[in-house]
């Protein structure tokens, strides 16, 4: 297990659009919570390919979000309760791989 921290200004321009999928999943909470920490891991999930009428496994970025609310409450949101935290967009997967690969080269 490795922990890396990044700020918005450290994201390369070519990777910035891929962040939109991840941000959209967080905004989708639609509740009065402010994310204070986000964990992302690479996973595999099953999706249904409508064009070929079959299920297939694809890589996905799986998010876990720790958030606080104005009353001081703290909660951890997971993909078990929020399926939108499983982001299958290939750009989000490439975004994740970019940041995990660069530290091993």
PDB file of N, CA and C in Angstrom:
ATOM      1  N   UNK A   1       0.844  -1.180   0.000  1.00  0.00           N
ATOM      2  CA  UNK A   1       0.000   0.000   0.000  1.00  0.00           C
ATOM      3  C   UNK A   1       0.876   1.225   0.000  1.00  0.00           C
ATOM      4  N   UNK A   2       0.501   2.179  -0.831  1.00  0.00           N
ATOM      5  CA  UNK A   2       1.270   3.411  -0.956  1.00  0.00           C
ATOM      6  C   UNK A   2       0.304   4.587  -0.957  1.00  0.00           C
ATOM      7  N   UNK A   3       0.689   5.660  -0.337  1.00  0.00           N
ATOM      8  CA  UNK A   3      -0.129   6.869  -0.325  1.00  0.00           C
ATOM      9  C   UNK A   3       0.591   7.965  -1.083  1.00  0.00           C
ATOM     10  N   UNK A   4      -0.106   8.563  -2.032  1.00  0.00           N
ATOM     11  CA  UNK A   4       0.409   9.710  -2.780  1.00  0.00           C
ATOM     12  C   UNK A   4      -0.613  10.823  -2.657  1.00  0.00           C
ATOM     13  N   UNK A   5      -0.129  12.036  -2.562  1.00  0.00           N
ATOM     14  CA  UNK A   5      -1.022  13.188  -2.475  1.00  0.00           C
ATOM     15  C   UNK A   5      -0.733  14.115  -3.647  1.00  0.00           C
ATOM     16  N   UNK A   6      -1.818  14.628  -4.237  1.00  0.00           N
ATOM     17  CA  UNK A   6      -1.691  15.533  -5.377  1.00  0.00           C
ATOM     18  C   UNK A   6      -2.622  16.719  -5.188  1.00  0.00           C
ATOM     19  N   UNK A   7      -2.196  17.855  -5.661  1.00  0.00           N
ATOM     20  CA  UNK A   7      -3.056  19.032  -5.692  1.00  0.00           C
ATOM     21  C   UNK A   7      -3.428  19.292  -7.140  1.00  0.00           C
ATOM     22  N   UNK A   8      -4.447  20.123  -7.345  1.00  0.00           N
ATOM     23  CA  UNK A   8      -4.930  20.393  -8.697  1.00  0.00           C
ATOM     24  C   UNK A   8      -3.834  20.924  -9.615  1.00  0.00           C
ATOM     25  N   UNK A   9      -2.911  21.724  -9.086  1.00  0.00           N
ATOM     26  CA  UNK A   9      -1.869  22.292  -9.942  1.00  0.00           C
ATOM     27  C   UNK A   9      -0.785  21.277 -10.316  1.00  0.00           C
ATOM     28  N   UNK A  10      -0.810  20.086  -9.736  1.00  0.00           N
ATOM     29  CA  UNK A  10       0.159  19.050 -10.078  1.00  0.00           C
ATOM     30  C   UNK A  10      -0.349  18.098 -11.163  1.00  0.00           C
ATOM     31  N   UNK A  11      -1.605  18.271 -11.562  1.00  0.00           N
ATOM     32  CA  UNK A  11      -2.185  17.396 -12.584  1.00  0.00           C
ATOM     33  C   UNK A  11      -1.789  17.915 -13.953  1.00  0.00           C
ATOM     34  N   UNK A  12      -1.140  17.092 -14.780  1.00  0.00           N
ATOM     35  CA  UNK A  12      -0.756  17.532 -16.119  1.00  0.00           C
ATOM     36  C   UNK A  12      -1.989  17.902 -16.948  1.00  0.00           C
ATOM     37  N   UNK A  13      -1.849  18.867 -17.824  1.00  0.00           N
ATOM     38  CA  UNK A  13      -2.969  19.360 -18.626  1.00  0.00           C
ATOM     39  C   UNK A  13      -3.664  18.247 -19.390  1.00  0.00           C
ATOM     40  N   UNK A  14      -2.907  17.289 -19.922  1.00  0.00           N
ATOM     41  CA  UNK A  14      -3.528  16.213 -20.704  1.00  0.00           C
ATOM     42  C   UNK A  14      -4.323  15.237 -19.830  1.00  0.00           C
ATOM     43  N   UNK A  15      -4.091  15.256 -18.525  1.00  0.00           N
ATOM     44  CA  UNK A  15      -4.825  14.381 -17.616  1.00  0.00           C
ATOM     45  C   UNK A  15      -6.016  15.083 -16.958  1.00  0.00           C
ATOM     46  N   UNK A  16      -6.030  16.402 -16.967  1.00  0.00           N
ATOM     47  CA  UNK A  16      -7.080  17.153 -16.277  1.00  0.00           C
ATOM     48  C   UNK A  16      -8.496  16.794 -16.732  1.00  0.00           C
ATOM     49  N   UNK A  17      -8.785  16.638 -18.039  1.00  0.00           N
ATOM     50  CA  UNK A  17     -10.165  16.290 -18.428  1.00  0.00           C
ATOM     51  C   UNK A  17     -10.632  14.951 -17.849  1.00  0.00           C
ATOM     52  N   UNK A  18      -9.723  14.024 -17.642  1.00  0.00           N
ATOM     53  CA  UNK A  18     -10.107  12.720 -17.091  1.00  0.00           C
ATOM     54  C   UNK A  18     -10.617  12.842 -15.665  1.00  0.00           C
ATOM     55  N   UNK A  19     -10.209  13.880 -14.968  1.00  0.00           N
ATOM     56  CA  UNK A  19     -10.633  14.083 -13.591  1.00  0.00           C
ATOM     57  C   UNK A  19     -12.132  14.355 -13.499  1.00  0.00           C
ATOM     58  N   UNK A  20     -12.744  14.762 -14.602  1.00  0.00           N
ATOM     59  CA  UNK A  20     -14.165  15.104 -14.593  1.00  0.00           C
ATOM     60  C   UNK A  20     -15.044  13.932 -14.155  1.00  0.00           C
ATOM     61  N   UNK A  21     -14.726  12.719 -14.554  1.00  0.00           N
ATOM     62  CA  UNK A  21     -15.525  11.552 -14.152  1.00  0.00           C
ATOM     63  C   UNK A  21     -15.494  11.369 -12.649  1.00  0.00           C
ATOM     64  N   UNK A  22     -14.320  11.540 -12.078  1.00  0.00           N
ATOM     65  CA  UNK A  22     -14.168  11.365 -10.638  1.00  0.00           C
ATOM     66  C   UNK A  22     -14.918  12.468  -9.897  1.00  0.00           C
ATOM     67  N   UNK A  23     -14.764  13.701 -10.352  1.00  0.00           N
ATOM     68  CA  UNK A  23     -15.450  14.833  -9.716  1.00  0.00           C
ATOM     69  C   UNK A  23     -16.963  14.665  -9.835  1.00  0.00           C
ATOM     70  N   UNK A  24     -17.440  14.207 -10.988  1.00  0.00           N
ATOM     71  CA  UNK A  24     -18.883  14.016 -11.178  1.00  0.00           C
ATOM     72  C   UNK A  24     -19.432  12.999 -10.184  1.00  0.00           C
ATOM     73  N   UNK A  25     -18.674  11.961  -9.900  1.00  0.00           N
ATOM     74  CA  UNK A  25     -19.126  10.959  -8.931  1.00  0.00           C
ATOM     75  C   UNK A  25     -19.246  11.578  -7.544  1.00  0.00           C
ATOM     76  N   UNK A  26     -18.306  12.450  -7.184  1.00  0.00           N
ATOM     77  CA  UNK A  26     -18.357  13.095  -5.872  1.00  0.00           C
ATOM     78  C   UNK A  26     -19.509  14.084  -5.783  1.00  0.00           C
ATOM     79  N   UNK A  27     -19.709  14.867  -6.827  1.00  0.00           N
ATOM     80  CA  UNK A  27     -20.791  15.855  -6.849  1.00  0.00           C
ATOM     81  C   UNK A  27     -22.136  15.142  -6.796  1.00  0.00           C
ATOM     82  N   UNK A  28     -22.189  13.942  -7.347  1.00  0.00           N
ATOM     83  CA  UNK A  28     -23.424  13.171  -7.376  1.00  0.00           C
ATOM     84  C   UNK A  28     -23.977  12.840  -6.008  1.00  0.00           C
ATOM     85  N   UNK A  29     -23.219  13.059  -4.959  1.00  0.00           N
ATOM     86  CA  UNK A  29     -23.736  12.807  -3.621  1.00  0.00           C
ATOM     87  C   UNK A  29     -25.004  13.609  -3.364  1.00  0.00           C
ATOM     88  N   UNK A  30     -25.023  14.858  -3.846  1.00  0.00           N
ATOM     89  CA  UNK A  30     -26.196  15.693  -3.693  1.00  0.00           C
ATOM     90  C   UNK A  30     -26.620  15.903  -2.251  1.00  0.00           C
ATOM     91  N   UNK A  31     -25.743  15.696  -1.316  1.00  0.00           N
ATOM     92  CA  UNK A  31     -26.054  15.872   0.093  1.00  0.00           C
ATOM     93  C   UNK A  31     -25.160  16.973   0.644  1.00  0.00           C
ATOM     94  N   UNK A  32     -25.429  17.372   1.863  1.00  0.00           N
ATOM     95  CA  UNK A  32     -24.701  18.479   2.471  1.00  0.00           C
ATOM     96  C   UNK A  32     -23.405  17.982   3.120  1.00  0.00           C
ATOM     97  N   UNK A  33     -22.537  17.376   2.316  1.00  0.00           N
ATOM     98  CA  UNK A  33     -21.271  16.832   2.804  1.00  0.00           C
ATOM     99  C   UNK A  33     -20.121  17.439   2.022  1.00  0.00           C
ATOM    100  N   UNK A  34     -19.028  17.656   2.673  1.00  0.00           N
ATOM    101  CA  UNK A  34     -17.810  18.186   2.058  1.00  0.00           C
ATOM    102  C   UNK A  34     -16.740  17.105   2.139  1.00  0.00           C
ATOM    103  N   UNK A  35     -16.234  16.669   0.991  1.00  0.00           N
ATOM    104  CA  UNK A  35     -15.195  15.640   0.985  1.00  0.00           C
ATOM    105  C   UNK A  35     -13.917  16.193   1.612  1.00  0.00           C
ATOM    106  N   UNK A  36     -13.326  15.441   2.524  1.00  0.00           N
ATOM    107  CA  UNK A  36     -12.063  15.848   3.133  1.00  0.00           C
ATOM    108  C   UNK A  36     -10.928  14.941   2.690  1.00  0.00           C
ATOM    109  N   UNK A  37     -11.267  13.734   2.263  1.00  0.00           N
ATOM    110  CA  UNK A  37     -10.254  12.816   1.762  1.00  0.00           C
ATOM    111  C   UNK A  37     -10.924  11.826   0.828  1.00  0.00           C
ATOM    112  N   UNK A  38     -10.221  11.491  -0.256  1.00  0.00           N
ATOM    113  CA  UNK A  38     -10.740  10.531  -1.224  1.00  0.00           C
ATOM    114  C   UNK A  38      -9.680   9.472  -1.457  1.00  0.00           C
ATOM    115  N   UNK A  39     -10.087   8.223  -1.383  1.00  0.00           N
ATOM    116  CA  UNK A  39      -9.201   7.114  -1.726  1.00  0.00           C
ATOM    117  C   UNK A  39      -9.672   6.549  -3.052  1.00  0.00           C
ATOM    118  N   UNK A  40      -8.739   6.262  -3.921  1.00  0.00           N
ATOM    119  CA  UNK A  40      -9.068   5.668  -5.219  1.00  0.00           C
ATOM    120  C   UNK A  40      -8.236   4.405  -5.380  1.00  0.00           C
ATOM    121  N   UNK A  41      -8.878   3.365  -5.876  1.00  0.00           N
ATOM    122  CA  UNK A  41      -8.150   2.140  -6.162  1.00  0.00           C
ATOM    123  C   UNK A  41      -8.627   1.598  -7.497  1.00  0.00           C
ATOM    124  N   UNK A  42      -7.770   0.862  -8.136  1.00  0.00           N
ATOM    125  CA  UNK A  42      -8.123   0.262  -9.411  1.00  0.00           C
ATOM    126  C   UNK A  42      -8.813  -1.063  -9.140  1.00  0.00           C
ATOM    127  N   UNK A  43      -9.947  -1.267  -9.765  1.00  0.00           N
ATOM    128  CA  UNK A  43     -10.685  -2.507  -9.588  1.00  0.00           C
ATOM    129  C   UNK A  43     -11.186  -3.020 -10.915  1.00  0.00           C
ATOM    130  N   UNK A  44     -11.915  -4.098 -10.861  1.00  0.00           N
ATOM    131  CA  UNK A  44     -12.537  -4.678 -12.054  1.00  0.00           C
ATOM    132  C   UNK A  44     -14.011  -4.851 -11.735  1.00  0.00           C
ATOM    133  N   UNK A  45     -14.862  -4.471 -12.673  1.00  0.00           N
ATOM    134  CA  UNK A  45     -16.299  -4.605 -12.482  1.00  0.00           C
ATOM    135  C   UNK A  45     -16.925  -5.165 -13.749  1.00  0.00           C
ATOM    136  N   UNK A  46     -18.112  -5.704 -13.618  1.00  0.00           N
ATOM    137  CA  UNK A  46     -18.801  -6.252 -14.780  1.00  0.00           C
ATOM    138  C   UNK A  46     -19.775  -5.211 -15.316  1.00  0.00           C
ATOM    139  N   UNK A  47     -19.768  -5.032 -16.623  1.00  0.00           N
ATOM    140  CA  UNK A  47     -20.728  -4.145 -17.277  1.00  0.00           C
ATOM    141  C   UNK A  47     -21.433  -4.938 -18.371  1.00  0.00           C
ATOM    142  N   UNK A  48     -22.519  -4.379 -18.859  1.00  0.00           N
ATOM    143  CA  UNK A  48     -23.253  -5.039 -19.927  1.00  0.00           C
ATOM    144  C   UNK A  48     -23.027  -4.276 -21.215  1.00  0.00           C
ATOM    145  N   UNK A  49     -22.513  -4.962 -22.226  1.00  0.00           N
ATOM    146  CA  UNK A  49     -22.265  -4.395 -23.553  1.00  0.00           C
ATOM    147  C   UNK A  49     -23.550  -4.559 -24.362  1.00  0.00           C
ATOM    148  N   UNK A  50     -24.326  -3.492 -24.484  1.00  0.00           N
ATOM    149  CA  UNK A  50     -25.619  -3.548 -25.160  1.00  0.00           C
ATOM    150  C   UNK A  50     -25.452  -3.908 -26.632  1.00  0.00           C
ATOM    151  N   UNK A  51     -24.463  -3.323 -27.291  1.00  0.00           N
ATOM    152  CA  UNK A  51     -24.268  -3.555 -28.726  1.00  0.00           C
ATOM    153  C   UNK A  51     -24.033  -5.029 -29.036  1.00  0.00           C
ATOM    154  N   UNK A  52     -23.288  -5.705 -28.178  1.00  0.00           N
ATOM    155  CA  UNK A  52     -22.972  -7.120 -28.418  1.00  0.00           C
ATOM    156  C   UNK A  52     -23.786  -8.070 -27.543  1.00  0.00           C
ATOM    157  N   UNK A  53     -24.701  -7.517 -26.758  1.00  0.00           N
ATOM    158  CA  UNK A  53     -25.586  -8.286 -25.889  1.00  0.00           C
ATOM    159  C   UNK A  53     -24.830  -9.295 -25.023  1.00  0.00           C
ATOM    160  N   UNK A  54     -23.834  -8.790 -24.310  1.00  0.00           N
ATOM    161  CA  UNK A  54     -23.070  -9.669 -23.419  1.00  0.00           C
ATOM    162  C   UNK A  54     -22.470  -8.854 -22.290  1.00  0.00           C
ATOM    163  N   UNK A  55     -22.175  -9.537 -21.210  1.00  0.00           N
ATOM    164  CA  UNK A  55     -21.505  -8.901 -20.081  1.00  0.00           C
ATOM    165  C   UNK A  55     -20.007  -8.994 -20.298  1.00  0.00           C
ATOM    166  N   UNK A  56     -19.290  -8.014 -19.776  1.00  0.00           N
ATOM    167  CA  UNK A  56     -17.836  -8.044 -19.879  1.00  0.00           C
ATOM    168  C   UNK A  56     -17.240  -7.385 -18.645  1.00  0.00           C
ATOM    169  N   UNK A  57     -16.028  -7.807 -18.329  1.00  0.00           N
ATOM    170  CA  UNK A  57     -15.302  -7.205 -17.218  1.00  0.00           C
ATOM    171  C   UNK A  57     -14.485  -6.039 -17.739  1.00  0.00           C
ATOM    172  N   UNK A  58     -14.489  -4.939 -16.995  1.00  0.00           N
ATOM    173  CA  UNK A  58     -13.705  -3.761 -17.367  1.00  0.00           C
ATOM    174  C   UNK A  58     -13.005  -3.220 -16.124  1.00  0.00           C
ATOM    175  N   UNK A  59     -11.896  -2.512 -16.346  1.00  0.00           N
ATOM    176  CA  UNK A  59     -11.230  -1.837 -15.242  1.00  0.00           C
ATOM    177  C   UNK A  59     -12.093  -0.661 -14.801  1.00  0.00           C
ATOM    178  N   UNK A  60     -11.993  -0.322 -13.532  1.00  0.00           N
ATOM    179  CA  UNK A  60     -12.747   0.801 -12.986  1.00  0.00           C
ATOM    180  C   UNK A  60     -11.945   1.443 -11.868  1.00  0.00           C
ATOM    181  N   UNK A  61     -12.172   2.738 -11.665  1.00  0.00           N
ATOM    182  CA  UNK A  61     -11.621   3.433 -10.511  1.00  0.00           C
ATOM    183  C   UNK A  61     -12.713   3.389  -9.446  1.00  0.00           C
ATOM    184  N   UNK A  62     -12.388   2.811  -8.298  1.00  0.00           N
ATOM    185  CA  UNK A  62     -13.355   2.670  -7.210  1.00  0.00           C
ATOM    186  C   UNK A  62     -12.987   3.687  -6.124  1.00  0.00           C
ATOM    187  N   UNK A  63     -13.951   4.539  -5.795  1.00  0.00           N
ATOM    188  CA  UNK A  63     -13.718   5.623  -4.842  1.00  0.00           C
ATOM    189  C   UNK A  63     -14.290   5.317  -3.466  1.00  0.00           C
ATOM    190  N   UNK A  64     -13.595   5.773  -2.451  1.00  0.00           N
ATOM    191  CA  UNK A  64     -14.098   5.812  -1.077  1.00  0.00           C
ATOM    192  C   UNK A  64     -13.870   7.245  -0.618  1.00  0.00           C
ATOM    193  N   UNK A  65     -14.909   7.864  -0.079  1.00  0.00           N
ATOM    194  CA  UNK A  65     -14.850   9.282   0.274  1.00  0.00           C
ATOM    195  C   UNK A  65     -15.141   9.472   1.753  1.00  0.00           C
ATOM    196  N   UNK A  66     -14.229  10.155   2.443  1.00  0.00           N
ATOM    197  CA  UNK A  66     -14.486  10.591   3.813  1.00  0.00           C
ATOM    198  C   UNK A  66     -14.969  12.030   3.729  1.00  0.00           C
ATOM    199  N   UNK A  67     -16.110  12.311   4.372  1.00  0.00           N
ATOM    200  CA  UNK A  67     -16.702  13.642   4.272  1.00  0.00           C
ATOM    201  C   UNK A  67     -17.197  14.114   5.636  1.00  0.00           C
ATOM    202  N   UNK A  68     -17.343  15.433   5.746  1.00  0.00           N
ATOM    203  CA  UNK A  68     -17.889  16.050   6.956  1.00  0.00           C
ATOM    204  C   UNK A  68     -19.085  16.913   6.559  1.00  0.00           C
ATOM    205  N   UNK A  69     -19.974  17.146   7.520  1.00  0.00           N
ATOM    206  CA  UNK A  69     -21.097  18.038   7.254  1.00  0.00           C
ATOM    207  C   UNK A  69     -21.002  19.258   8.169  1.00  0.00           C
ATOM    208  N   UNK A  70     -21.831  20.267   7.949  1.00  0.00           N
ATOM    209  CA  UNK A  70     -21.734  21.500   8.750  1.00  0.00           C
ATOM    210  C   UNK A  70     -21.959  21.288  10.244  1.00  0.00           C
ATOM    211  N   UNK A  71     -22.650  20.234  10.633  1.00  0.00           N
ATOM    212  CA  UNK A  71     -22.895  19.973  12.047  1.00  0.00           C
ATOM    213  C   UNK A  71     -21.715  19.257  12.715  1.00  0.00           C
ATOM    214  N   UNK A  72     -20.664  18.978  11.943  1.00  0.00           N
ATOM    215  CA  UNK A  72     -19.489  18.314  12.492  1.00  0.00           C
ATOM    216  C   UNK A  72     -19.511  16.806  12.355  1.00  0.00           C
ATOM    217  N   UNK A  73     -20.529  16.295  11.699  1.00  0.00           N
ATOM    218  CA  UNK A  73     -20.598  14.852  11.470  1.00  0.00           C
ATOM    219  C   UNK A  73     -19.534  14.400  10.480  1.00  0.00           C
ATOM    220  N   UNK A  74     -19.097  13.180  10.612  1.00  0.00           N
ATOM    221  CA  UNK A  74     -18.091  12.612   9.723  1.00  0.00           C
ATOM    222  C   UNK A  74     -18.621  11.273   9.236  1.00  0.00           C
ATOM    223  N   UNK A  75     -18.444  10.990   7.928  1.00  0.00           N
ATOM    224  CA  UNK A  75     -18.970   9.768   7.355  1.00  0.00           C
ATOM    225  C   UNK A  75     -18.062   9.298   6.227  1.00  0.00           C
ATOM    226  N   UNK A  76     -18.035   7.987   6.035  1.00  0.00           N
ATOM    227  CA  UNK A  76     -17.294   7.407   4.919  1.00  0.00           C
ATOM    228  C   UNK A  76     -18.308   6.860   3.920  1.00  0.00           C
ATOM    229  N   UNK A  77     -18.223   7.331   2.678  1.00  0.00           N
ATOM    230  CA  UNK A  77     -19.093   6.898   1.596  1.00  0.00           C
ATOM    231  C   UNK A  77     -18.323   5.885   0.750  1.00  0.00           C
ATOM    232  N   UNK A  78     -18.954   4.753   0.442  1.00  0.00           N
ATOM    233  CA  UNK A  78     -18.287   3.720  -0.346  1.00  0.00           C
ATOM    234  C   UNK A  78     -19.116   3.370  -1.578  1.00  0.00           C
ATOM    235  N   UNK A  79     -18.519   2.612  -2.460  1.00  0.00           N
ATOM    236  CA  UNK A  79     -19.216   2.187  -3.674  1.00  0.00           C
ATOM    237  C   UNK A  79     -20.325   1.188  -3.368  1.00  0.00           C
ATOM    238  N   UNK A  80     -20.307   0.591  -2.200  1.00  0.00           N
ATOM    239  CA  UNK A  80     -21.389  -0.334  -1.830  1.00  0.00           C
ATOM    240  C   UNK A  80     -22.724   0.422  -1.759  1.00  0.00           C
ATOM    241  N   UNK A  81     -22.700   1.621  -1.189  1.00  0.00           N
ATOM    242  CA  UNK A  81     -23.917   2.421  -1.083  1.00  0.00           C
ATOM    243  C   UNK A  81     -24.101   3.394  -2.240  1.00  0.00           C
ATOM    244  N   UNK A  82     -23.025   3.721  -2.897  1.00  0.00           N
ATOM    245  CA  UNK A  82     -23.052   4.701  -3.987  1.00  0.00           C
ATOM    246  C   UNK A  82     -22.380   4.100  -5.221  1.00  0.00           C
ATOM    247  N   UNK A  83     -23.140   3.366  -6.043  1.00  0.00           N
ATOM    248  CA  UNK A  83     -22.549   2.713  -7.220  1.00  0.00           C
ATOM    249  C   UNK A  83     -21.871   3.689  -8.187  1.00  0.00           C
ATOM    250  N   UNK A  84     -22.268   4.975  -8.132  1.00  0.00           N
ATOM    251  CA  UNK A  84     -21.605   5.958  -9.010  1.00  0.00           C
ATOM    252  C   UNK A  84     -20.147   6.169  -8.619  1.00  0.00           C
ATOM    253  N   UNK A  85     -19.729   5.618  -7.486  1.00  0.00           N
ATOM    254  CA  UNK A  85     -18.317   5.690  -7.088  1.00  0.00           C
ATOM    255  C   UNK A  85     -17.483   4.617  -7.767  1.00  0.00           C
ATOM    256  N   UNK A  86     -18.094   3.837  -8.640  1.00  0.00           N
ATOM    257  CA  UNK A  86     -17.355   2.902  -9.494  1.00  0.00           C
ATOM    258  C   UNK A  86     -17.332   3.555 -10.878  1.00  0.00           C
ATOM    259  N   UNK A  87     -16.208   4.155 -11.221  1.00  0.00           N
ATOM    260  CA  UNK A  87     -16.085   4.952 -12.438  1.00  0.00           C
ATOM    261  C   UNK A  87     -15.404   4.104 -13.520  1.00  0.00           C
ATOM    262  N   UNK A  88     -16.180   3.741 -14.538  1.00  0.00           N
ATOM    263  CA  UNK A  88     -15.656   2.869 -15.597  1.00  0.00           C
ATOM    264  C   UNK A  88     -15.172   3.642 -16.825  1.00  0.00           C
ATOM    265  N   UNK A  89     -15.316   4.938 -16.826  1.00  0.00           N
ATOM    266  CA  UNK A  89     -14.857   5.755 -17.953  1.00  0.00           C
ATOM    267  C   UNK A  89     -13.375   5.464 -18.204  1.00  0.00           C
ATOM    268  N   UNK A  90     -13.012   5.050 -19.417  1.00  0.00           N
ATOM    269  CA  UNK A  90     -11.598   4.743 -19.706  1.00  0.00           C
ATOM    270  C   UNK A  90     -10.649   5.897 -19.398  1.00  0.00           C
ATOM    271  N   UNK A  91     -11.116   7.133 -19.541  1.00  0.00           N
ATOM    272  CA  UNK A  91     -10.256   8.280 -19.241  1.00  0.00           C
ATOM    273  C   UNK A  91      -9.930   8.331 -17.746  1.00  0.00           C
ATOM    274  N   UNK A  92     -10.890   7.978 -16.898  1.00  0.00           N
ATOM    275  CA  UNK A  92     -10.639   7.965 -15.453  1.00  0.00           C
ATOM    276  C   UNK A  92      -9.665   6.853 -15.090  1.00  0.00           C
ATOM    277  N   UNK A  93      -9.791   5.706 -15.752  1.00  0.00           N
ATOM    278  CA  UNK A  93      -8.865   4.592 -15.505  1.00  0.00           C
ATOM    279  C   UNK A  93      -7.458   4.988 -15.950  1.00  0.00           C
ATOM    280  N   UNK A  94      -7.337   5.626 -17.106  1.00  0.00           N
ATOM    281  CA  UNK A  94      -6.027   6.094 -17.583  1.00  0.00           C
ATOM    282  C   UNK A  94      -5.440   7.128 -16.622  1.00  0.00           C
ATOM    283  N   UNK A  95      -6.296   8.002 -16.110  1.00  0.00           N
ATOM    284  CA  UNK A  95      -5.887   9.017 -15.142  1.00  0.00           C
ATOM    285  C   UNK A  95      -5.285   8.340 -13.915  1.00  0.00           C
ATOM    286  N   UNK A  96      -5.975   7.333 -13.387  1.00  0.00           N
ATOM    287  CA  UNK A  96      -5.494   6.600 -12.219  1.00  0.00           C
ATOM    288  C   UNK A  96      -4.156   5.915 -12.526  1.00  0.00           C
ATOM    289  N   UNK A  97      -4.089   5.241 -13.652  1.00  0.00           N
ATOM    290  CA  UNK A  97      -2.863   4.528 -14.027  1.00  0.00           C
ATOM    291  C   UNK A  97      -1.694   5.489 -14.210  1.00  0.00           C
ATOM    292  N   UNK A  98      -1.961   6.667 -14.748  1.00  0.00           N
ATOM    293  CA  UNK A  98      -0.900   7.651 -14.950  1.00  0.00           C
ATOM    294  C   UNK A  98      -0.218   7.978 -13.630  1.00  0.00           C
ATOM    295  N   UNK A  99      -1.008   8.247 -12.599  1.00  0.00           N
ATOM    296  CA  UNK A  99      -0.437   8.655 -11.316  1.00  0.00           C
ATOM    297  C   UNK A  99       0.179   7.501 -10.546  1.00  0.00           C
ATOM    298  N   UNK A 100      -0.310   6.297 -10.719  1.00  0.00           N
ATOM    299  CA  UNK A 100       0.291   5.175  -9.992  1.00  0.00           C
ATOM    300  C   UNK A 100       1.522   4.648 -10.700  1.00  0.00           C
ATOM    301  N   UNK A 101       1.577   4.797 -12.010  1.00  0.00           N
ATOM    302  CA  UNK A 101       2.722   4.301 -12.780  1.00  0.00           C
ATOM    303  C   UNK A 101       3.925   5.232 -12.664  1.00  0.00           C
ATOM    304  N   UNK A 102       3.714   6.534 -12.638  1.00  0.00           N
ATOM    305  CA  UNK A 102       4.824   7.488 -12.702  1.00  0.00           C
ATOM    306  C   UNK A 102       5.777   7.361 -11.530  1.00  0.00           C
ATOM    307  N   UNK A 103       5.300   6.896 -10.392  1.00  0.00           N
ATOM    308  CA  UNK A 103       6.157   6.803  -9.221  1.00  0.00           C
ATOM    309  C   UNK A 103       6.992   5.526  -9.195  1.00  0.00           C
ATOM    310  N   UNK A 104       6.769   4.636 -10.138  1.00  0.00           N
ATOM    311  CA  UNK A 104       7.521   3.385 -10.168  1.00  0.00           C
ATOM    312  C   UNK A 104       8.562   3.384 -11.286  1.00  0.00           C
ATOM    313  N   UNK A 105       8.617   4.421 -12.066  1.00  0.00           N
ATOM    314  CA  UNK A 105       9.571   4.456 -13.195  1.00  0.00           C
ATOM    315  C   UNK A 105      10.872   5.096 -12.782  1.00  0.00           C
TER     316      UNK A 105
END
